[in-house]
Amino acid sequence: MNRTGLFIALSLALVIGVVFGIYPELDLKLAALFYDPATRSFPLKLNDWAGYARDGAMSVAWGLALPAIAALVVKLFRPTRPLLISGRAIVFLLVTMTLSAGVLTNLTFKSYWGRPRPVVVTEFGGDLPFVPWWDPRGGCGRNCSFFSGEGATAFWTFAPAALAPPAWR
């Protein structure tokens, strides 16, 4: 991605964040599109195709990380052999995956950001009040909703693109 594309992507993210920050009810309206009041649930949660898409996206991410893990394991067991992937690429891929999906998302935000998931807010039959995305003071105790581990892992799939030759990016 060139600087113009990066600027556009960051600007778009900023605008979306500001809009949802100013109008938090948009978050509820968007979630309501996926909610079925008759069953008091989010049906896509049980949909096989949605599950395949979710699992498939995670498989793609791990498929991109696996060569780096394999190269590192081979190097640990056969230190005299040359690396299959550059050492910098291995470190970059594994550190960014660990920090983005692991530490930042699951250990930090999901553990310490008290925003409840849509399925447990009162608007969708739960017992916790809705909290806007920017407010960490919700009543959720653990595995809360700020952003998803799947979303962070999917976003990480751009990391290997940074290692591609410029003409391929």
C-alpha atoms as a PDB file:
ATOM      1  CA  MET A   1       0.000   0.000   0.000  1.00  0.00           C
ATOM      2  CA  ASN A   2       1.434   3.382  -0.927  1.00  0.00           C
ATOM      3  CA  ARG A   3       1.242   6.467   1.276  1.00  0.00           C
ATOM      4  CA  THR A   4      -1.955   7.653  -0.398  1.00  0.00           C
ATOM      5  CA  GLY A   5      -3.678   4.328   0.287  1.00  0.00           C
ATOM      6  CA  LEU A   6      -2.449   4.362   3.877  1.00  0.00           C
ATOM      7  CA  PHE A   7      -3.694   7.926   4.339  1.00  0.00           C
ATOM      8  CA  ILE A   8      -7.099   6.993   2.915  1.00  0.00           C
ATOM      9  CA  ALA A   9      -7.366   3.892   5.130  1.00  0.00           C
ATOM     10  CA  LEU A  10      -6.378   5.778   8.290  1.00  0.00           C
ATOM     11  CA  SER A  11      -8.708   8.675   7.440  1.00  0.00           C
ATOM     12  CA  LEU A  12     -11.590   6.278   6.862  1.00  0.00           C
ATOM     13  CA  ALA A  13     -10.901   4.520  10.183  1.00  0.00           C
ATOM     14  CA  LEU A  14     -10.814   7.886  11.953  1.00  0.00           C
ATOM     15  CA  VAL A  15     -14.088   9.041  10.384  1.00  0.00           C
ATOM     16  CA  ILE A  16     -15.848   5.761  11.249  1.00  0.00           C
ATOM     17  CA  GLY A  17     -14.531   5.909  14.826  1.00  0.00           C
ATOM     18  CA  VAL A  18     -15.700   9.506  15.241  1.00  0.00           C
ATOM     19  CA  VAL A  19     -19.150   8.781  13.765  1.00  0.00           C
ATOM     20  CA  PHE A  20     -19.689   5.780  16.070  1.00  0.00           C
ATOM     21  CA  GLY A  21     -18.291   7.834  18.970  1.00  0.00           C
ATOM     22  CA  ILE A  22     -20.721  10.701  18.375  1.00  0.00           C
ATOM     23  CA  TYR A  23     -23.673   8.423  17.551  1.00  0.00           C
ATOM     24  CA  PRO A  24     -23.229   5.268  19.680  1.00  0.00           C
ATOM     25  CA  GLU A  25     -26.802   4.207  18.865  1.00  0.00           C
ATOM     26  CA  LEU A  26     -25.532   3.318  15.374  1.00  0.00           C
ATOM     27  CA  ASP A  27     -23.688   0.447  17.028  1.00  0.00           C
ATOM     28  CA  LEU A  28     -26.981  -0.925  18.367  1.00  0.00           C
ATOM     29  CA  LYS A  29     -28.756  -0.385  15.052  1.00  0.00           C
ATOM     30  CA  LEU A  30     -26.030  -2.260  13.203  1.00  0.00           C
ATOM     31  CA  ALA A  31     -26.105  -5.136  15.706  1.00  0.00           C
ATOM     32  CA  ALA A  32     -29.921  -5.218  15.476  1.00  0.00           C
ATOM     33  CA  LEU A  33     -29.624  -6.147  11.795  1.00  0.00           C
ATOM     34  CA  PHE A  34     -28.183  -9.491  12.924  1.00  0.00           C
ATOM     35  CA  TYR A  35     -30.524 -10.046  15.892  1.00  0.00           C
ATOM     36  CA  ASP A  36     -33.699 -12.153  15.780  1.00  0.00           C
ATOM     37  CA  PRO A  37     -36.195 -10.982  18.436  1.00  0.00           C
ATOM     38  CA  ALA A  38     -38.329 -14.127  18.003  1.00  0.00           C
ATOM     39  CA  THR A  39     -35.522 -16.418  19.151  1.00  0.00           C
ATOM     40  CA  ARG A  40     -33.744 -13.732  21.209  1.00  0.00           C
ATOM     41  CA  SER A  41     -30.440 -14.619  19.601  1.00  0.00           C
ATOM     42  CA  PHE A  42     -28.022 -13.803  16.828  1.00  0.00           C
ATOM     43  CA  PRO A  43     -28.799 -16.567  14.280  1.00  0.00           C
ATOM     44  CA  LEU A  44     -25.536 -16.215  12.355  1.00  0.00           C
ATOM     45  CA  LYS A  45     -23.822 -17.543  15.461  1.00  0.00           C
ATOM     46  CA  LEU A  46     -25.397 -20.928  14.690  1.00  0.00           C
ATOM     47  CA  ASN A  47     -25.237 -20.711  10.886  1.00  0.00           C
ATOM     48  CA  ASP A  48     -22.884 -23.300   9.360  1.00  0.00           C
ATOM     49  CA  TRP A  49     -21.764 -21.040   6.506  1.00  0.00           C
ATOM     50  CA  ALA A  50     -20.952 -18.194   8.888  1.00  0.00           C
ATOM     51  CA  GLY A  51     -18.971 -20.656  11.002  1.00  0.00           C
ATOM     52  CA  TYR A  52     -17.071 -21.862   7.939  1.00  0.00           C
ATOM     53  CA  ALA A  53     -16.267 -18.262   6.980  1.00  0.00           C
ATOM     54  CA  ARG A  54     -15.052 -17.489  10.500  1.00  0.00           C
ATOM     55  CA  ASP A  55     -12.957 -20.644  10.720  1.00  0.00           C
ATOM     56  CA  GLY A  56     -11.699 -20.170   7.166  1.00  0.00           C
ATOM     57  CA  ALA A  57     -10.493 -16.658   7.897  1.00  0.00           C
ATOM     58  CA  MET A  58      -8.634 -17.910  10.965  1.00  0.00           C
ATOM     59  CA  SER A  59      -7.151 -20.744   8.899  1.00  0.00           C
ATOM     60  CA  VAL A  60      -5.864 -18.266   6.319  1.00  0.00           C
ATOM     61  CA  ALA A  61      -4.153 -16.232   9.031  1.00  0.00           C
ATOM     62  CA  TRP A  62      -2.563 -19.272  10.622  1.00  0.00           C
ATOM     63  CA  GLY A  63      -1.634 -20.567   7.170  1.00  0.00           C
ATOM     64  CA  LEU A  64       0.324 -17.362   6.647  1.00  0.00           C
ATOM     65  CA  ALA A  65       2.023 -17.654  10.049  1.00  0.00           C
ATOM     66  CA  LEU A  66       2.786 -21.373   9.764  1.00  0.00           C
ATOM     67  CA  PRO A  67       5.766 -21.066   7.376  1.00  0.00           C
ATOM     68  CA  ALA A  68       7.481 -18.716   9.830  1.00  0.00           C
ATOM     69  CA  ILE A  69       6.815 -21.114  12.710  1.00  0.00           C
ATOM     70  CA  ALA A  70       8.018 -24.093  10.664  1.00  0.00           C
ATOM     71  CA  ALA A  71      11.188 -22.264   9.587  1.00  0.00           C
ATOM     72  CA  LEU A  72      11.927 -21.380  13.201  1.00  0.00           C
ATOM     73  CA  VAL A  73      11.372 -24.967  14.386  1.00  0.00           C
ATOM     74  CA  VAL A  74      13.614 -26.338  11.616  1.00  0.00           C
ATOM     75  CA  LYS A  75      16.332 -23.858  12.588  1.00  0.00           C
ATOM     76  CA  LEU A  76      16.066 -24.819  16.264  1.00  0.00           C
ATOM     77  CA  PHE A  77      16.487 -28.526  15.513  1.00  0.00           C
ATOM     78  CA  ARG A  78      19.054 -28.060  12.731  1.00  0.00           C
ATOM     79  CA  PRO A  79      21.043 -24.939  13.599  1.00  0.00           C
ATOM     80  CA  THR A  80      23.586 -25.493  10.829  1.00  0.00           C
ATOM     81  CA  ARG A  81      20.978 -25.323   8.066  1.00  0.00           C
ATOM     82  CA  PRO A  82      20.184 -21.943   6.548  1.00  0.00           C
ATOM     83  CA  LEU A  83      16.857 -20.362   7.398  1.00  0.00           C
ATOM     84  CA  LEU A  84      14.048 -21.035   4.948  1.00  0.00           C
ATOM     85  CA  ILE A  85      12.737 -17.498   5.522  1.00  0.00           C
ATOM     86  CA  SER A  86      14.803 -14.498   6.590  1.00  0.00           C
ATOM     87  CA  GLY A  87      15.188 -14.139  10.332  1.00  0.00           C
ATOM     88  CA  ARG A  88      13.741 -10.636  10.230  1.00  0.00           C
ATOM     89  CA  ALA A  89      10.637 -11.899   8.430  1.00  0.00           C
ATOM     90  CA  ILE A  90      10.156 -14.658  11.016  1.00  0.00           C
ATOM     91  CA  VAL A  91      10.499 -12.227  13.905  1.00  0.00           C
ATOM     92  CA  PHE A  92       8.222  -9.671  12.218  1.00  0.00           C
ATOM     93  CA  LEU A  93       5.451 -12.177  11.504  1.00  0.00           C
ATOM     94  CA  LEU A  94       5.502 -13.922  14.872  1.00  0.00           C
ATOM     95  CA  VAL A  95       5.878 -10.762  16.953  1.00  0.00           C
ATOM     96  CA  THR A  96       3.106  -8.909  15.113  1.00  0.00           C
ATOM     97  CA  MET A  97       0.763 -11.916  15.397  1.00  0.00           C
ATOM     98  CA  THR A  98       1.542 -12.341  19.091  1.00  0.00           C
ATOM     99  CA  LEU A  99       1.177  -8.663  19.897  1.00  0.00           C
ATOM    100  CA  SER A 100      -1.916  -7.904  17.799  1.00  0.00           C
ATOM    101  CA  ALA A 101      -4.174 -10.900  18.291  1.00  0.00           C
ATOM    102  CA  GLY A 102      -2.653 -12.225  21.492  1.00  0.00           C
ATOM    103  CA  VAL A 103      -1.416  -9.517  23.820  1.00  0.00           C
ATOM    104  CA  LEU A 104      -3.265  -6.408  22.639  1.00  0.00           C
ATOM    105  CA  THR A 105      -6.634  -7.981  21.870  1.00  0.00           C
ATOM    106  CA  ASN A 106      -7.088 -10.998  24.126  1.00  0.00           C
ATOM    107  CA  LEU A 107      -4.898 -10.202  27.132  1.00  0.00           C
ATOM    108  CA  THR A 108      -5.402  -6.441  27.276  1.00  0.00           C
ATOM    109  CA  PHE A 109      -8.644  -5.185  25.781  1.00  0.00           C
ATOM    110  CA  LYS A 110     -10.842  -8.257  26.243  1.00  0.00           C
ATOM    111  CA  SER A 111      -9.688  -8.626  29.850  1.00  0.00           C
ATOM    112  CA  TYR A 112      -9.694  -4.993  30.965  1.00  0.00           C
ATOM    113  CA  TRP A 113     -12.169  -3.180  28.704  1.00  0.00           C
ATOM    114  CA  GLY A 114     -15.546  -3.713  30.376  1.00  0.00           C
ATOM    115  CA  ARG A 115     -17.746  -3.223  27.317  1.00  0.00           C
ATOM    116  CA  PRO A 116     -20.321  -6.048  27.208  1.00  0.00           C
ATOM    117  CA  ARG A 117     -20.903  -8.088  24.077  1.00  0.00           C
ATOM    118  CA  PRO A 118     -24.122  -7.337  22.161  1.00  0.00           C
ATOM    119  CA  VAL A 119     -25.649 -10.658  23.203  1.00  0.00           C
ATOM    120  CA  VAL A 120     -25.631  -9.608  26.888  1.00  0.00           C
ATOM    121  CA  VAL A 121     -26.905  -6.013  26.625  1.00  0.00           C
ATOM    122  CA  THR A 122     -30.471  -5.190  27.660  1.00  0.00           C
ATOM    123  CA  GLU A 123     -31.459  -4.134  24.138  1.00  0.00           C
ATOM    124  CA  PHE A 124     -30.958  -7.745  23.038  1.00  0.00           C
ATOM    125  CA  GLY A 125     -32.394  -9.528  26.072  1.00  0.00           C
ATOM    126  CA  GLY A 126     -29.302  -9.460  28.272  1.00  0.00           C
ATOM    127  CA  ASP A 127     -28.809  -7.967  31.710  1.00  0.00           C
ATOM    128  CA  LEU A 128     -26.004  -5.435  31.130  1.00  0.00           C
ATOM    129  CA  PRO A 129     -26.454  -1.869  29.882  1.00  0.00           C
ATOM    130  CA  PHE A 130     -25.062  -0.892  26.482  1.00  0.00           C
ATOM    131  CA  VAL A 131     -21.713   0.917  26.575  1.00  0.00           C
ATOM    132  CA  PRO A 132     -20.241   2.874  23.619  1.00  0.00           C
ATOM    133  CA  TRP A 133     -17.029   1.528  22.068  1.00  0.00           C
ATOM    134  CA  TRP A 134     -14.839   4.215  23.616  1.00  0.00           C
ATOM    135  CA  ASP A 135     -15.981   3.691  27.222  1.00  0.00           C
ATOM    136  CA  PRO A 136     -14.034   1.047  29.214  1.00  0.00           C
ATOM    137  CA  ARG A 137     -16.335   1.200  32.266  1.00  0.00           C
ATOM    138  CA  GLY A 138     -18.933  -1.410  31.335  1.00  0.00           C
ATOM    139  CA  GLY A 139     -20.082  -4.217  33.593  1.00  0.00           C
ATOM    140  CA  CYS A 140     -18.442  -7.078  31.710  1.00  0.00           C
ATOM    141  CA  GLY A 141     -16.012  -9.042  33.858  1.00  0.00           C
ATOM    142  CA  ARG A 142     -14.044 -11.045  31.301  1.00  0.00           C
ATOM    143  CA  ASN A 143     -13.929 -11.875  27.568  1.00  0.00           C
ATOM    144  CA  CYS A 144     -15.543  -8.538  26.839  1.00  0.00           C
ATOM    145  CA  SER A 145     -16.288  -6.795  23.573  1.00  0.00           C
ATOM    146  CA  PHE A 146     -13.975  -4.086  22.346  1.00  0.00           C
ATOM    147  CA  PHE A 147     -12.812  -5.696  19.169  1.00  0.00           C
ATOM    148  CA  SER A 148     -12.663  -9.353  18.297  1.00  0.00           C
ATOM    149  CA  GLY A 149      -9.692 -11.666  18.281  1.00  0.00           C
ATOM    150  CA  GLU A 150     -10.872 -12.877  14.885  1.00  0.00           C
ATOM    151  CA  GLY A 151     -10.931  -9.303  13.611  1.00  0.00           C
ATOM    152  CA  ALA A 152      -7.431  -8.634  14.909  1.00  0.00           C
ATOM    153  CA  THR A 153      -6.153 -11.862  13.374  1.00  0.00           C
ATOM    154  CA  ALA A 154      -7.823 -11.068  10.058  1.00  0.00           C
ATOM    155  CA  PHE A 155      -6.296  -7.586  10.106  1.00  0.00           C
ATOM    156  CA  TRP A 156      -2.916  -9.218  10.807  1.00  0.00           C
ATOM    157  CA  THR A 157      -3.105 -10.973   7.432  1.00  0.00           C
ATOM    158  CA  PHE A 158      -1.890  -7.673   5.962  1.00  0.00           C
ATOM    159  CA  ALA A 159       1.426  -8.142   7.812  1.00  0.00           C
ATOM    160  CA  PRO A 160       2.831 -10.689   5.337  1.00  0.00           C
ATOM    161  CA  ALA A 161       2.042  -8.230   2.536  1.00  0.00           C
ATOM    162  CA  ALA A 162       4.584  -5.862   4.085  1.00  0.00           C
ATOM    163  CA  LEU A 163       7.218  -8.512   3.363  1.00  0.00           C
ATOM    164  CA  ALA A 164       6.242  -8.930  -0.288  1.00  0.00           C
ATOM    165  CA  PRO A 165       8.299  -7.268  -3.000  1.00  0.00           C
ATOM    166  CA  PRO A 166       7.048  -3.713  -3.691  1.00  0.00           C
ATOM    167  CA  ALA A 167       5.703  -4.673  -7.119  1.00  0.00           C
ATOM    168  CA  TRP A 168       3.421  -7.315  -5.517  1.00  0.00           C
ATOM    169  CA  ARG A 169       2.027  -5.009  -2.843  1.00  0.00           C
END
